[in-house]
């Protein structure tokens, strides 16, 4: 069994976290309630790391739409991720992505489908292709 461990580790270190695997350089931003384009065309989301320095829970809404087609508080996000006060949510990069067929746009709000900005910007690192 041990003889298989090294090839798997080598495979993952050379392929899993590289652009060869299809993932781009991470998108980074300080995010508030302004819809921000991660990618203007369809793609896959492989992971993220969000930090909330606000004094209240905040949400990152992820939309399968171009920024011009998103109205916060009206457009339903494909994903809405809650980030507790003073904490990070970091599932990190994965080999299996979530498909966004149109575009990838994001915004930070105080509720899962809302339009009000959190008191402090959410630090965002986003892994996509």
C-alpha atoms as a PDB file:
ATOM      1  CA  UNK A   1       0.000   0.000   0.000  1.00  0.00           C
ATOM      2  CA  UNK A   2       2.804   2.481   0.781  1.00  0.00           C
ATOM      3  CA  UNK A   3       4.202   2.135  -2.732  1.00  0.00           C
ATOM      4  CA  UNK A   4       1.128   4.020  -4.065  1.00  0.00           C
ATOM      5  CA  UNK A   5       1.406   6.968  -1.714  1.00  0.00           C
ATOM      6  CA  UNK A   6       4.270   8.771  -3.477  1.00  0.00           C
ATOM      7  CA  UNK A   7       2.729   8.724  -6.976  1.00  0.00           C
ATOM      8  CA  UNK A   8      -0.544  10.140  -5.611  1.00  0.00           C
ATOM      9  CA  UNK A   9       1.263  12.920  -3.735  1.00  0.00           C
ATOM     10  CA  UNK A  10       3.353  13.750  -6.810  1.00  0.00           C
ATOM     11  CA  UNK A  11       0.247  13.786  -8.992  1.00  0.00           C
ATOM     12  CA  UNK A  12      -1.590  16.180  -6.673  1.00  0.00           C
ATOM     13  CA  UNK A  13       1.306  18.564  -6.143  1.00  0.00           C
ATOM     14  CA  UNK A  14       1.989  18.883  -9.851  1.00  0.00           C
ATOM     15  CA  UNK A  15      -1.554  18.811 -11.194  1.00  0.00           C
ATOM     16  CA  UNK A  16      -4.150  19.632  -8.518  1.00  0.00           C
ATOM     17  CA  UNK A  17      -3.108  23.210  -7.756  1.00  0.00           C
ATOM     18  CA  UNK A  18      -1.703  24.305 -11.085  1.00  0.00           C
ATOM     19  CA  UNK A  19      -3.038  26.048 -14.143  1.00  0.00           C
ATOM     20  CA  UNK A  20      -2.448  22.759 -15.932  1.00  0.00           C
ATOM     21  CA  UNK A  21      -5.510  21.503 -14.040  1.00  0.00           C
ATOM     22  CA  UNK A  22      -7.529  24.370 -15.531  1.00  0.00           C
ATOM     23  CA  UNK A  23      -7.630  26.679 -12.517  1.00  0.00           C
ATOM     24  CA  UNK A  24      -6.685  30.295 -12.979  1.00  0.00           C
ATOM     25  CA  UNK A  25      -4.751  32.541 -10.657  1.00  0.00           C
ATOM     26  CA  UNK A  26      -7.061  33.303  -7.721  1.00  0.00           C
ATOM     27  CA  UNK A  27      -9.346  36.324  -7.897  1.00  0.00           C
ATOM     28  CA  UNK A  28      -8.859  38.572  -4.862  1.00  0.00           C
ATOM     29  CA  UNK A  29     -10.913  41.549  -3.708  1.00  0.00           C
ATOM     30  CA  UNK A  30     -12.234  43.534  -0.770  1.00  0.00           C
ATOM     31  CA  UNK A  31     -15.937  42.952  -1.388  1.00  0.00           C
ATOM     32  CA  UNK A  32     -18.968  45.067  -0.437  1.00  0.00           C
ATOM     33  CA  UNK A  33     -22.499  45.317  -1.883  1.00  0.00           C
ATOM     34  CA  UNK A  34     -21.310  46.166  -5.376  1.00  0.00           C
ATOM     35  CA  UNK A  35     -21.709  43.300  -7.831  1.00  0.00           C
ATOM     36  CA  UNK A  36     -18.213  42.414  -9.018  1.00  0.00           C
ATOM     37  CA  UNK A  37     -17.266  40.300 -12.037  1.00  0.00           C
ATOM     38  CA  UNK A  38     -15.003  37.351 -11.324  1.00  0.00           C
ATOM     39  CA  UNK A  39     -15.360  36.083 -14.903  1.00  0.00           C
ATOM     40  CA  UNK A  40     -17.450  37.607 -17.700  1.00  0.00           C
ATOM     41  CA  UNK A  41     -18.087  34.219 -19.320  1.00  0.00           C
ATOM     42  CA  UNK A  42     -19.039  30.789 -18.000  1.00  0.00           C
ATOM     43  CA  UNK A  43     -16.616  28.863 -15.831  1.00  0.00           C
ATOM     44  CA  UNK A  44     -16.149  26.672 -12.798  1.00  0.00           C
ATOM     45  CA  UNK A  45     -15.661  27.679  -9.171  1.00  0.00           C
ATOM     46  CA  UNK A  46     -13.181  25.390  -7.412  1.00  0.00           C
ATOM     47  CA  UNK A  47     -13.014  27.032  -4.000  1.00  0.00           C
ATOM     48  CA  UNK A  48     -12.801  30.213  -1.992  1.00  0.00           C
ATOM     49  CA  UNK A  49     -11.571  31.787   1.190  1.00  0.00           C
ATOM     50  CA  UNK A  50     -13.702  34.576   2.665  1.00  0.00           C
ATOM     51  CA  UNK A  51     -12.868  36.554   5.822  1.00  0.00           C
ATOM     52  CA  UNK A  52     -15.449  38.682   7.641  1.00  0.00           C
ATOM     53  CA  UNK A  53     -13.988  41.348   9.921  1.00  0.00           C
ATOM     54  CA  UNK A  54     -17.412  42.921  10.513  1.00  0.00           C
ATOM     55  CA  UNK A  55     -19.255  42.877  13.839  1.00  0.00           C
ATOM     56  CA  UNK A  56     -22.119  40.871  12.276  1.00  0.00           C
ATOM     57  CA  UNK A  57     -22.538  37.854  10.023  1.00  0.00           C
ATOM     58  CA  UNK A  58     -22.089  38.684   6.336  1.00  0.00           C
ATOM     59  CA  UNK A  59     -22.914  36.760   3.168  1.00  0.00           C
ATOM     60  CA  UNK A  60     -21.112  36.383  -0.132  1.00  0.00           C
ATOM     61  CA  UNK A  61     -23.616  35.929  -2.936  1.00  0.00           C
ATOM     62  CA  UNK A  62     -22.352  34.185  -6.072  1.00  0.00           C
ATOM     63  CA  UNK A  63     -24.360  34.682  -9.268  1.00  0.00           C
ATOM     64  CA  UNK A  64     -24.503  32.786 -12.562  1.00  0.00           C
ATOM     65  CA  UNK A  65     -24.969  36.067 -14.444  1.00  0.00           C
ATOM     66  CA  UNK A  66     -23.040  39.021 -15.781  1.00  0.00           C
ATOM     67  CA  UNK A  67     -22.843  42.007 -13.415  1.00  0.00           C
ATOM     68  CA  UNK A  68     -25.235  44.049 -15.593  1.00  0.00           C
ATOM     69  CA  UNK A  69     -27.891  41.356 -15.102  1.00  0.00           C
ATOM     70  CA  UNK A  70     -27.692  41.223 -11.286  1.00  0.00           C
ATOM     71  CA  UNK A  71     -29.868  43.381  -9.055  1.00  0.00           C
ATOM     72  CA  UNK A  72     -29.034  42.792  -5.395  1.00  0.00           C
ATOM     73  CA  UNK A  73     -32.106  41.958  -3.372  1.00  0.00           C
ATOM     74  CA  UNK A  74     -33.944  40.719  -6.490  1.00  0.00           C
ATOM     75  CA  UNK A  75     -31.673  38.374  -8.458  1.00  0.00           C
ATOM     76  CA  UNK A  76     -31.438  34.986  -6.763  1.00  0.00           C
ATOM     77  CA  UNK A  77     -27.807  33.895  -6.205  1.00  0.00           C
ATOM     78  CA  UNK A  78     -26.674  30.429  -7.260  1.00  0.00           C
ATOM     79  CA  UNK A  79     -24.767  30.209  -3.964  1.00  0.00           C
ATOM     80  CA  UNK A  80     -24.993  32.310  -0.812  1.00  0.00           C
ATOM     81  CA  UNK A  81     -22.311  31.649   1.796  1.00  0.00           C
ATOM     82  CA  UNK A  82     -22.631  32.959   5.345  1.00  0.00           C
ATOM     83  CA  UNK A  83     -19.452  34.106   7.087  1.00  0.00           C
ATOM     84  CA  UNK A  84     -19.657  34.459  10.887  1.00  0.00           C
ATOM     85  CA  UNK A  85     -18.310  37.543  12.667  1.00  0.00           C
ATOM     86  CA  UNK A  86     -14.497  37.652  12.764  1.00  0.00           C
ATOM     87  CA  UNK A  87     -14.157  34.309  10.998  1.00  0.00           C
ATOM     88  CA  UNK A  88     -13.018  32.832   7.717  1.00  0.00           C
ATOM     89  CA  UNK A  89     -14.752  30.306   5.499  1.00  0.00           C
ATOM     90  CA  UNK A  90     -12.093  28.532   3.452  1.00  0.00           C
ATOM     91  CA  UNK A  91     -12.956  25.223   1.829  1.00  0.00           C
ATOM     92  CA  UNK A  92      -9.997  25.935  -0.484  1.00  0.00           C
ATOM     93  CA  UNK A  93      -9.332  24.652  -3.985  1.00  0.00           C
ATOM     94  CA  UNK A  94     -10.935  21.412  -5.107  1.00  0.00           C
ATOM     95  CA  UNK A  95     -10.606  19.262  -8.202  1.00  0.00           C
ATOM     96  CA  UNK A  96     -14.394  19.282  -8.585  1.00  0.00           C
ATOM     97  CA  UNK A  97     -15.870  22.654  -9.478  1.00  0.00           C
ATOM     98  CA  UNK A  98     -19.342  24.160  -9.428  1.00  0.00           C
ATOM     99  CA  UNK A  99     -20.345  25.080 -12.997  1.00  0.00           C
ATOM    100  CA  UNK A 100     -21.521  28.598 -13.835  1.00  0.00           C
ATOM    101  CA  UNK A 101     -22.660  28.530 -17.471  1.00  0.00           C
ATOM    102  CA  UNK A 102     -23.159  32.269 -18.063  1.00  0.00           C
ATOM    103  CA  UNK A 103     -20.684  34.264 -15.922  1.00  0.00           C
ATOM    104  CA  UNK A 104     -19.394  34.447 -12.347  1.00  0.00           C
ATOM    105  CA  UNK A 105     -20.326  37.555 -10.352  1.00  0.00           C
ATOM    106  CA  UNK A 106     -20.153  38.145  -6.596  1.00  0.00           C
ATOM    107  CA  UNK A 107     -21.258  40.633  -3.933  1.00  0.00           C
ATOM    108  CA  UNK A 108     -21.209  40.839  -0.123  1.00  0.00           C
ATOM    109  CA  UNK A 109     -24.348  41.663   1.871  1.00  0.00           C
ATOM    110  CA  UNK A 110     -25.769  41.429   5.385  1.00  0.00           C
ATOM    111  CA  UNK A 111     -28.379  38.775   4.453  1.00  0.00           C
ATOM    112  CA  UNK A 112     -28.309  35.775   2.145  1.00  0.00           C
ATOM    113  CA  UNK A 113     -30.357  37.440  -0.604  1.00  0.00           C
ATOM    114  CA  UNK A 114     -30.142  41.068   0.441  1.00  0.00           C
ATOM    115  CA  UNK A 115     -28.705  44.303  -0.839  1.00  0.00           C
ATOM    116  CA  UNK A 116     -27.203  46.033   2.217  1.00  0.00           C
ATOM    117  CA  UNK A 117     -23.407  46.131   2.450  1.00  0.00           C
ATOM    118  CA  UNK A 118     -21.657  44.718   5.517  1.00  0.00           C
ATOM    119  CA  UNK A 119     -19.971  47.260   7.817  1.00  0.00           C
ATOM    120  CA  UNK A 120     -16.517  46.132   6.643  1.00  0.00           C
ATOM    121  CA  UNK A 121     -15.425  44.714   3.309  1.00  0.00           C
ATOM    122  CA  UNK A 122     -15.174  40.933   3.046  1.00  0.00           C
ATOM    123  CA  UNK A 123     -11.706  39.721   2.048  1.00  0.00           C
ATOM    124  CA  UNK A 124     -12.151  37.368  -0.890  1.00  0.00           C
ATOM    125  CA  UNK A 125      -9.872  34.812  -2.521  1.00  0.00           C
ATOM    126  CA  UNK A 126     -11.661  32.874  -5.248  1.00  0.00           C
ATOM    127  CA  UNK A 127     -10.416  29.905  -7.281  1.00  0.00           C
ATOM    128  CA  UNK A 128     -12.011  29.517 -10.719  1.00  0.00           C
ATOM    129  CA  UNK A 129     -11.403  28.808 -14.373  1.00  0.00           C
END
